[in-house]
């Protein structure tokens, strides 16, 4: 999620919604694969393991932190 410029009335651009998939049952897991924006990936996604809705909750938590603090929760090398 990035804005077009730093103005308060800048339009909001959302990315990554085209990679959504629908699971048939609540306990079904997504197949491994590193998809999405790296800053928001849960550890199991980065480790290339099967993942479920908890990985989405991780991403939501990172997004909430970003919206509330104005910075990403983790820093690392480029």
PDB file of N, CA and C in Angstrom:
ATOM      1  N   UNK A   1       0.852  -1.158   0.000  1.00  0.00           N
ATOM      2  CA  UNK A   1       0.000   0.000   0.000  1.00  0.00           C
ATOM      3  C   UNK A   1       0.899   1.221   0.000  1.00  0.00           C
ATOM      4  N   UNK A   2       0.775   2.038  -1.009  1.00  0.00           N
ATOM      5  CA  UNK A   2       1.607   3.217  -1.143  1.00  0.00           C
ATOM      6  C   UNK A   2       0.761   4.365  -1.669  1.00  0.00           C
ATOM      7  N   UNK A   3       1.058   5.585  -1.261  1.00  0.00           N
ATOM      8  CA  UNK A   3       0.331   6.726  -1.795  1.00  0.00           C
ATOM      9  C   UNK A   3       1.102   7.301  -2.977  1.00  0.00           C
ATOM     10  N   UNK A   4       0.392   8.039  -3.815  1.00  0.00           N
ATOM     11  CA  UNK A   4       0.987   8.600  -5.018  1.00  0.00           C
ATOM     12  C   UNK A   4       1.961   9.730  -4.688  1.00  0.00           C
ATOM     13  N   UNK A   5       1.700  10.464  -3.608  1.00  0.00           N
ATOM     14  CA  UNK A   5       2.597  11.540  -3.181  1.00  0.00           C
ATOM     15  C   UNK A   5       2.398  11.765  -1.691  1.00  0.00           C
ATOM     16  N   UNK A   6       3.083  12.742  -1.131  1.00  0.00           N
ATOM     17  CA  UNK A   6       3.030  12.956   0.313  1.00  0.00           C
ATOM     18  C   UNK A   6       1.923  13.918   0.734  1.00  0.00           C
ATOM     19  N   UNK A   7       1.107  14.391  -0.190  1.00  0.00           N
ATOM     20  CA  UNK A   7      -0.006  15.275   0.148  1.00  0.00           C
ATOM     21  C   UNK A   7      -1.054  14.522   0.958  1.00  0.00           C
ATOM     22  N   UNK A   8      -1.776  15.241   1.824  1.00  0.00           N
ATOM     23  CA  UNK A   8      -2.813  14.615   2.643  1.00  0.00           C
ATOM     24  C   UNK A   8      -3.976  14.100   1.813  1.00  0.00           C
ATOM     25  N   UNK A   9      -4.187  14.666   0.628  1.00  0.00           N
ATOM     26  CA  UNK A   9      -5.310  14.237  -0.203  1.00  0.00           C
ATOM     27  C   UNK A   9      -4.869  13.322  -1.348  1.00  0.00           C
ATOM     28  N   UNK A  10      -3.703  12.708  -1.226  1.00  0.00           N
ATOM     29  CA  UNK A  10      -3.186  11.815  -2.273  1.00  0.00           C
ATOM     30  C   UNK A  10      -4.042  10.557  -2.359  1.00  0.00           C
ATOM     31  N   UNK A  11      -4.185  10.033  -3.570  1.00  0.00           N
ATOM     32  CA  UNK A  11      -4.957   8.801  -3.737  1.00  0.00           C
ATOM     33  C   UNK A  11      -4.181   7.617  -3.168  1.00  0.00           C
ATOM     34  N   UNK A  12      -4.905   6.619  -2.713  1.00  0.00           N
ATOM     35  CA  UNK A  12      -4.321   5.432  -2.115  1.00  0.00           C
ATOM     36  C   UNK A  12      -4.256   4.329  -3.153  1.00  0.00           C
ATOM     37  N   UNK A  13      -3.132   3.641  -3.225  1.00  0.00           N
ATOM     38  CA  UNK A  13      -2.959   2.547  -4.169  1.00  0.00           C
ATOM     39  C   UNK A  13      -2.752   1.259  -3.393  1.00  0.00           C
ATOM     40  N   UNK A  14      -3.562   0.247  -3.668  1.00  0.00           N
ATOM     41  CA  UNK A  14      -3.447  -1.053  -3.017  1.00  0.00           C
ATOM     42  C   UNK A  14      -2.825  -2.036  -3.988  1.00  0.00           C
ATOM     43  N   UNK A  15      -1.943  -2.888  -3.460  1.00  0.00           N
ATOM     44  CA  UNK A  15      -1.288  -3.908  -4.285  1.00  0.00           C
ATOM     45  C   UNK A  15      -1.478  -5.273  -3.640  1.00  0.00           C
ATOM     46  N   UNK A  16      -1.389  -6.301  -4.462  1.00  0.00           N
ATOM     47  CA  UNK A  16      -1.371  -7.654  -3.935  1.00  0.00           C
ATOM     48  C   UNK A  16      -2.708  -8.349  -3.858  1.00  0.00           C
ATOM     49  N   UNK A  17      -3.805  -7.654  -4.145  1.00  0.00           N
ATOM     50  CA  UNK A  17      -5.115  -8.311  -4.020  1.00  0.00           C
ATOM     51  C   UNK A  17      -5.370  -9.315  -5.143  1.00  0.00           C
ATOM     52  N   UNK A  18      -4.606  -9.274  -6.203  1.00  0.00           N
ATOM     53  CA  UNK A  18      -4.834 -10.196  -7.324  1.00  0.00           C
ATOM     54  C   UNK A  18      -4.305 -11.604  -7.047  1.00  0.00           C
ATOM     55  N   UNK A  19      -3.606 -11.797  -5.944  1.00  0.00           N
ATOM     56  CA  UNK A  19      -3.039 -13.111  -5.641  1.00  0.00           C
ATOM     57  C   UNK A  19      -3.879 -13.884  -4.631  1.00  0.00           C
ATOM     58  N   UNK A  20      -5.073 -13.374  -4.310  1.00  0.00           N
ATOM     59  CA  UNK A  20      -5.947 -14.028  -3.340  1.00  0.00           C
ATOM     60  C   UNK A  20      -6.495 -15.329  -3.909  1.00  0.00           C
ATOM     61  N   UNK A  21      -6.629 -16.332  -3.042  1.00  0.00           N
ATOM     62  CA  UNK A  21      -7.257 -17.594  -3.437  1.00  0.00           C
ATOM     63  C   UNK A  21      -8.323 -17.949  -2.411  1.00  0.00           C
ATOM     64  N   UNK A  22      -9.278 -18.727  -2.813  1.00  0.00           N
ATOM     65  CA  UNK A  22     -10.363 -19.154  -1.924  1.00  0.00           C
ATOM     66  C   UNK A  22     -10.094 -20.590  -1.483  1.00  0.00           C
ATOM     67  N   UNK A  23     -10.159 -20.818  -0.165  1.00  0.00           N
ATOM     68  CA  UNK A  23      -9.985 -22.156   0.387  1.00  0.00           C
ATOM     69  C   UNK A  23     -11.358 -22.766   0.637  1.00  0.00           C
ATOM     70  N   UNK A  24     -11.496 -24.064   0.398  1.00  0.00           N
ATOM     71  CA  UNK A  24     -12.785 -24.745   0.520  1.00  0.00           C
ATOM     72  C   UNK A  24     -13.220 -24.955   1.964  1.00  0.00           C
ATOM     73  N   UNK A  25     -12.276 -25.209   2.859  1.00  0.00           N
ATOM     74  CA  UNK A  25     -12.604 -25.449   4.266  1.00  0.00           C
ATOM     75  C   UNK A  25     -11.731 -24.558   5.148  1.00  0.00           C
ATOM     76  N   UNK A  26     -12.196 -24.250   6.365  1.00  0.00           N
ATOM     77  CA  UNK A  26     -11.422 -23.381   7.253  1.00  0.00           C
ATOM     78  C   UNK A  26     -10.058 -23.954   7.654  1.00  0.00           C
ATOM     79  N   UNK A  27      -9.930 -25.296   7.670  1.00  0.00           N
ATOM     80  CA  UNK A  27      -8.658 -25.886   8.098  1.00  0.00           C
ATOM     81  C   UNK A  27      -7.720 -26.192   6.927  1.00  0.00           C
ATOM     82  N   UNK A  28      -8.125 -25.866   5.717  1.00  0.00           N
ATOM     83  CA  UNK A  28      -7.266 -26.076   4.547  1.00  0.00           C
ATOM     84  C   UNK A  28      -6.132 -25.049   4.545  1.00  0.00           C
ATOM     85  N   UNK A  29      -4.958 -25.477   4.082  1.00  0.00           N
ATOM     86  CA  UNK A  29      -3.802 -24.589   4.046  1.00  0.00           C
ATOM     87  C   UNK A  29      -3.456 -24.226   2.611  1.00  0.00           C
ATOM     88  N   UNK A  30      -2.858 -23.061   2.442  1.00  0.00           N
ATOM     89  CA  UNK A  30      -2.388 -22.624   1.129  1.00  0.00           C
ATOM     90  C   UNK A  30      -1.101 -23.363   0.798  1.00  0.00           C
ATOM     91  N   UNK A  31      -0.886 -23.668  -0.460  1.00  0.00           N
ATOM     92  CA  UNK A  31       0.366 -24.336  -0.841  1.00  0.00           C
ATOM     93  C   UNK A  31       1.548 -23.394  -0.647  1.00  0.00           C
ATOM     94  N   UNK A  32       2.739 -23.956  -0.424  1.00  0.00           N
ATOM     95  CA  UNK A  32       3.898 -23.096  -0.220  1.00  0.00           C
ATOM     96  C   UNK A  32       4.182 -22.248  -1.448  1.00  0.00           C
ATOM     97  N   UNK A  33       4.742 -21.107  -1.196  1.00  0.00           N
ATOM     98  CA  UNK A  33       5.101 -20.189  -2.266  1.00  0.00           C
ATOM     99  C   UNK A  33       5.280 -18.798  -1.700  1.00  0.00           C
ATOM    100  N   UNK A  34       6.302 -18.139  -2.136  1.00  0.00           N
ATOM    101  CA  UNK A  34       6.575 -16.793  -1.638  1.00  0.00           C
ATOM    102  C   UNK A  34       5.848 -15.796  -2.524  1.00  0.00           C
ATOM    103  N   UNK A  35       4.683 -15.394  -2.094  1.00  0.00           N
ATOM    104  CA  UNK A  35       3.875 -14.424  -2.822  1.00  0.00           C
ATOM    105  C   UNK A  35       3.587 -13.235  -1.915  1.00  0.00           C
ATOM    106  N   UNK A  36       3.438 -12.089  -2.516  1.00  0.00           N
ATOM    107  CA  UNK A  36       3.112 -10.911  -1.743  1.00  0.00           C
ATOM    108  C   UNK A  36       4.281  -9.955  -1.637  1.00  0.00           C
ATOM    109  N   UNK A  37       4.112  -8.979  -0.789  1.00  0.00           N
ATOM    110  CA  UNK A  37       5.118  -7.952  -0.560  1.00  0.00           C
ATOM    111  C   UNK A  37       5.984  -8.410   0.610  1.00  0.00           C
ATOM    112  N   UNK A  38       7.302  -8.498   0.437  1.00  0.00           N
ATOM    113  CA  UNK A  38       8.170  -9.065   1.483  1.00  0.00           C
ATOM    114  C   UNK A  38       7.996  -8.449   2.872  1.00  0.00           C
ATOM    115  N   UNK A  39       7.725  -7.163   2.962  1.00  0.00           N
ATOM    116  CA  UNK A  39       7.576  -6.524   4.272  1.00  0.00           C
ATOM    117  C   UNK A  39       6.416  -7.087   5.077  1.00  0.00           C
ATOM    118  N   UNK A  40       5.439  -7.681   4.396  1.00  0.00           N
ATOM    119  CA  UNK A  40       4.230  -8.154   5.057  1.00  0.00           C
ATOM    120  C   UNK A  40       4.147  -9.668   5.149  1.00  0.00           C
ATOM    121  N   UNK A  41       5.152 -10.391   4.669  1.00  0.00           N
ATOM    122  CA  UNK A  41       5.119 -11.859   4.667  1.00  0.00           C
ATOM    123  C   UNK A  41       5.329 -12.433   6.066  1.00  0.00           C
ATOM    124  N   UNK A  42       4.505 -13.404   6.401  1.00  0.00           N
ATOM    125  CA  UNK A  42       4.657 -14.124   7.669  1.00  0.00           C
ATOM    126  C   UNK A  42       5.868 -15.056   7.581  1.00  0.00           C
ATOM    127  N   UNK A  43       6.450 -15.430   8.719  1.00  0.00           N
ATOM    128  CA  UNK A  43       7.634 -16.300   8.710  1.00  0.00           C
ATOM    129  C   UNK A  43       7.431 -17.609   7.957  1.00  0.00           C
ATOM    130  N   UNK A  44       6.240 -18.218   8.051  1.00  0.00           N
ATOM    131  CA  UNK A  44       6.018 -19.476   7.352  1.00  0.00           C
ATOM    132  C   UNK A  44       5.981 -19.291   5.834  1.00  0.00           C
ATOM    133  N   UNK A  45       5.553 -18.138   5.379  1.00  0.00           N
ATOM    134  CA  UNK A  45       5.562 -17.853   3.938  1.00  0.00           C
ATOM    135  C   UNK A  45       7.002 -17.682   3.460  1.00  0.00           C
ATOM    136  N   UNK A  46       7.792 -16.948   4.230  1.00  0.00           N
ATOM    137  CA  UNK A  46       9.203 -16.749   3.886  1.00  0.00           C
ATOM    138  C   UNK A  46       9.944 -18.084   3.878  1.00  0.00           C
ATOM    139  N   UNK A  47       9.591 -18.990   4.812  1.00  0.00           N
ATOM    140  CA  UNK A  47      10.231 -20.304   4.909  1.00  0.00           C
ATOM    141  C   UNK A  47       9.710 -21.288   3.869  1.00  0.00           C
ATOM    142  N   UNK A  48       8.798 -20.839   2.996  1.00  0.00           N
ATOM    143  CA  UNK A  48       8.256 -21.665   1.921  1.00  0.00           C
ATOM    144  C   UNK A  48       7.525 -22.895   2.467  1.00  0.00           C
ATOM    145  N   UNK A  49       6.718 -22.685   3.516  1.00  0.00           N
ATOM    146  CA  UNK A  49       5.912 -23.744   4.127  1.00  0.00           C
ATOM    147  C   UNK A  49       4.433 -23.506   3.831  1.00  0.00           C
ATOM    148  N   UNK A  50       3.609 -24.548   4.015  1.00  0.00           N
ATOM    149  CA  UNK A  50       2.163 -24.358   3.917  1.00  0.00           C
ATOM    150  C   UNK A  50       1.746 -23.332   4.966  1.00  0.00           C
ATOM    151  N   UNK A  51       0.720 -22.540   4.647  1.00  0.00           N
ATOM    152  CA  UNK A  51       0.261 -21.531   5.605  1.00  0.00           C
ATOM    153  C   UNK A  51      -1.245 -21.395   5.535  1.00  0.00           C
ATOM    154  N   UNK A  52      -1.830 -20.784   6.587  1.00  0.00           N
ATOM    155  CA  UNK A  52      -3.273 -20.622   6.664  1.00  0.00           C
ATOM    156  C   UNK A  52      -3.608 -19.174   7.002  1.00  0.00           C
ATOM    157  N   UNK A  53      -4.794 -18.942   7.569  1.00  0.00           N
ATOM    158  CA  UNK A  53      -5.246 -17.586   7.835  1.00  0.00           C
ATOM    159  C   UNK A  53      -4.359 -16.848   8.836  1.00  0.00           C
ATOM    160  N   UNK A  54      -3.612 -17.587   9.646  1.00  0.00           N
ATOM    161  CA  UNK A  54      -2.740 -16.933  10.618  1.00  0.00           C
ATOM    162  C   UNK A  54      -1.649 -16.113   9.929  1.00  0.00           C
ATOM    163  N   UNK A  55      -1.227 -16.535   8.745  1.00  0.00           N
ATOM    164  CA  UNK A  55      -0.268 -15.743   7.974  1.00  0.00           C
ATOM    165  C   UNK A  55      -0.913 -14.430   7.535  1.00  0.00           C
ATOM    166  N   UNK A  56      -2.206 -14.466   7.216  1.00  0.00           N
ATOM    167  CA  UNK A  56      -2.927 -13.238   6.877  1.00  0.00           C
ATOM    168  C   UNK A  56      -3.013 -12.317   8.088  1.00  0.00           C
ATOM    169  N   UNK A  57      -3.237 -12.900   9.265  1.00  0.00           N
ATOM    170  CA  UNK A  57      -3.314 -12.092  10.482  1.00  0.00           C
ATOM    171  C   UNK A  57      -1.964 -11.425  10.773  1.00  0.00           C
ATOM    172  N   UNK A  58      -0.874 -12.112  10.476  1.00  0.00           N
ATOM    173  CA  UNK A  58       0.460 -11.527  10.609  1.00  0.00           C
ATOM    174  C   UNK A  58       0.546 -10.274   9.735  1.00  0.00           C
ATOM    175  N   UNK A  59       0.125 -10.419   8.484  1.00  0.00           N
ATOM    176  CA  UNK A  59       0.183  -9.303   7.546  1.00  0.00           C
ATOM    177  C   UNK A  59      -0.701  -8.141   7.996  1.00  0.00           C
ATOM    178  N   UNK A  60      -1.875  -8.464   8.533  1.00  0.00           N
ATOM    179  CA  UNK A  60      -2.768  -7.423   9.051  1.00  0.00           C
ATOM    180  C   UNK A  60      -2.104  -6.699  10.223  1.00  0.00           C
ATOM    181  N   UNK A  61      -1.428  -7.443  11.082  1.00  0.00           N
ATOM    182  CA  UNK A  61      -0.721  -6.830  12.211  1.00  0.00           C
ATOM    183  C   UNK A  61       0.379  -5.892  11.751  1.00  0.00           C
ATOM    184  N   UNK A  62       1.132  -6.295  10.737  1.00  0.00           N
ATOM    185  CA  UNK A  62       2.182  -5.429  10.196  1.00  0.00           C
ATOM    186  C   UNK A  62       1.553  -4.172   9.607  1.00  0.00           C
ATOM    187  N   UNK A  63       0.455  -4.336   8.883  1.00  0.00           N
ATOM    188  CA  UNK A  63      -0.225  -3.190   8.285  1.00  0.00           C
ATOM    189  C   UNK A  63      -0.754  -2.246   9.359  1.00  0.00           C
ATOM    190  N   UNK A  64      -1.359  -2.781  10.410  1.00  0.00           N
ATOM    191  CA  UNK A  64      -1.858  -1.932  11.505  1.00  0.00           C
ATOM    192  C   UNK A  64      -0.725  -1.170  12.175  1.00  0.00           C
ATOM    193  N   UNK A  65       0.408  -1.844  12.397  1.00  0.00           N
ATOM    194  CA  UNK A  65       1.563  -1.182  12.991  1.00  0.00           C
ATOM    195  C   UNK A  65       2.011  -0.026  12.100  1.00  0.00           C
ATOM    196  N   UNK A  66       2.058  -0.277  10.801  1.00  0.00           N
ATOM    197  CA  UNK A  66       2.472   0.752   9.853  1.00  0.00           C
ATOM    198  C   UNK A  66       1.511   1.935   9.875  1.00  0.00           C
ATOM    199  N   UNK A  67       0.217   1.667   9.902  1.00  0.00           N
ATOM    200  CA  UNK A  67      -0.768   2.745   9.907  1.00  0.00           C
ATOM    201  C   UNK A  67      -0.724   3.556  11.200  1.00  0.00           C
ATOM    202  N   UNK A  68      -0.467   2.897  12.325  1.00  0.00           N
ATOM    203  CA  UNK A  68      -0.464   3.590  13.615  1.00  0.00           C
ATOM    204  C   UNK A  68       0.843   4.317  13.912  1.00  0.00           C
ATOM    205  N   UNK A  69       1.957   3.763  13.460  1.00  0.00           N
ATOM    206  CA  UNK A  69       3.250   4.357  13.818  1.00  0.00           C
ATOM    207  C   UNK A  69       3.917   5.102  12.671  1.00  0.00           C
ATOM    208  N   UNK A  70       3.534   4.781  11.439  1.00  0.00           N
ATOM    209  CA  UNK A  70       4.150   5.432  10.294  1.00  0.00           C
ATOM    210  C   UNK A  70       5.447   4.798   9.849  1.00  0.00           C
ATOM    211  N   UNK A  71       5.797   3.656  10.432  1.00  0.00           N
ATOM    212  CA  UNK A  71       7.021   2.963  10.035  1.00  0.00           C
ATOM    213  C   UNK A  71       6.784   1.460  10.095  1.00  0.00           C
ATOM    214  N   UNK A  72       7.609   0.716   9.381  1.00  0.00           N
ATOM    215  CA  UNK A  72       7.506  -0.747   9.400  1.00  0.00           C
ATOM    216  C   UNK A  72       8.080  -1.289  10.701  1.00  0.00           C
ATOM    217  N   UNK A  73       7.547  -2.400  11.224  1.00  0.00           N
ATOM    218  CA  UNK A  73       8.003  -2.923  12.516  1.00  0.00           C
ATOM    219  C   UNK A  73       9.370  -3.590  12.474  1.00  0.00           C
ATOM    220  N   UNK A  74       9.810  -4.006  11.305  1.00  0.00           N
ATOM    221  CA  UNK A  74      11.087  -4.711  11.218  1.00  0.00           C
ATOM    222  C   UNK A  74      12.017  -3.986  10.256  1.00  0.00           C
ATOM    223  N   UNK A  75      13.282  -3.967  10.595  1.00  0.00           N
ATOM    224  CA  UNK A  75      14.270  -3.404   9.691  1.00  0.00           C
ATOM    225  C   UNK A  75      15.273  -4.495   9.362  1.00  0.00           C
ATOM    226  N   UNK A  76      15.881  -4.387   8.227  1.00  0.00           N
ATOM    227  CA  UNK A  76      16.849  -5.407   7.820  1.00  0.00           C
ATOM    228  C   UNK A  76      17.718  -4.873   6.718  1.00  0.00           C
ATOM    229  N   UNK A  77      18.574  -5.725   6.238  1.00  0.00           N
ATOM    230  CA  UNK A  77      19.446  -5.315   5.147  1.00  0.00           C
ATOM    231  C   UNK A  77      18.634  -5.271   3.844  1.00  0.00           C
ATOM    232  N   UNK A  78      19.165  -4.596   2.866  1.00  0.00           N
ATOM    233  CA  UNK A  78      18.436  -4.429   1.600  1.00  0.00           C
ATOM    234  C   UNK A  78      18.361  -5.700   0.851  1.00  0.00           C
TER     235      UNK A  78
END
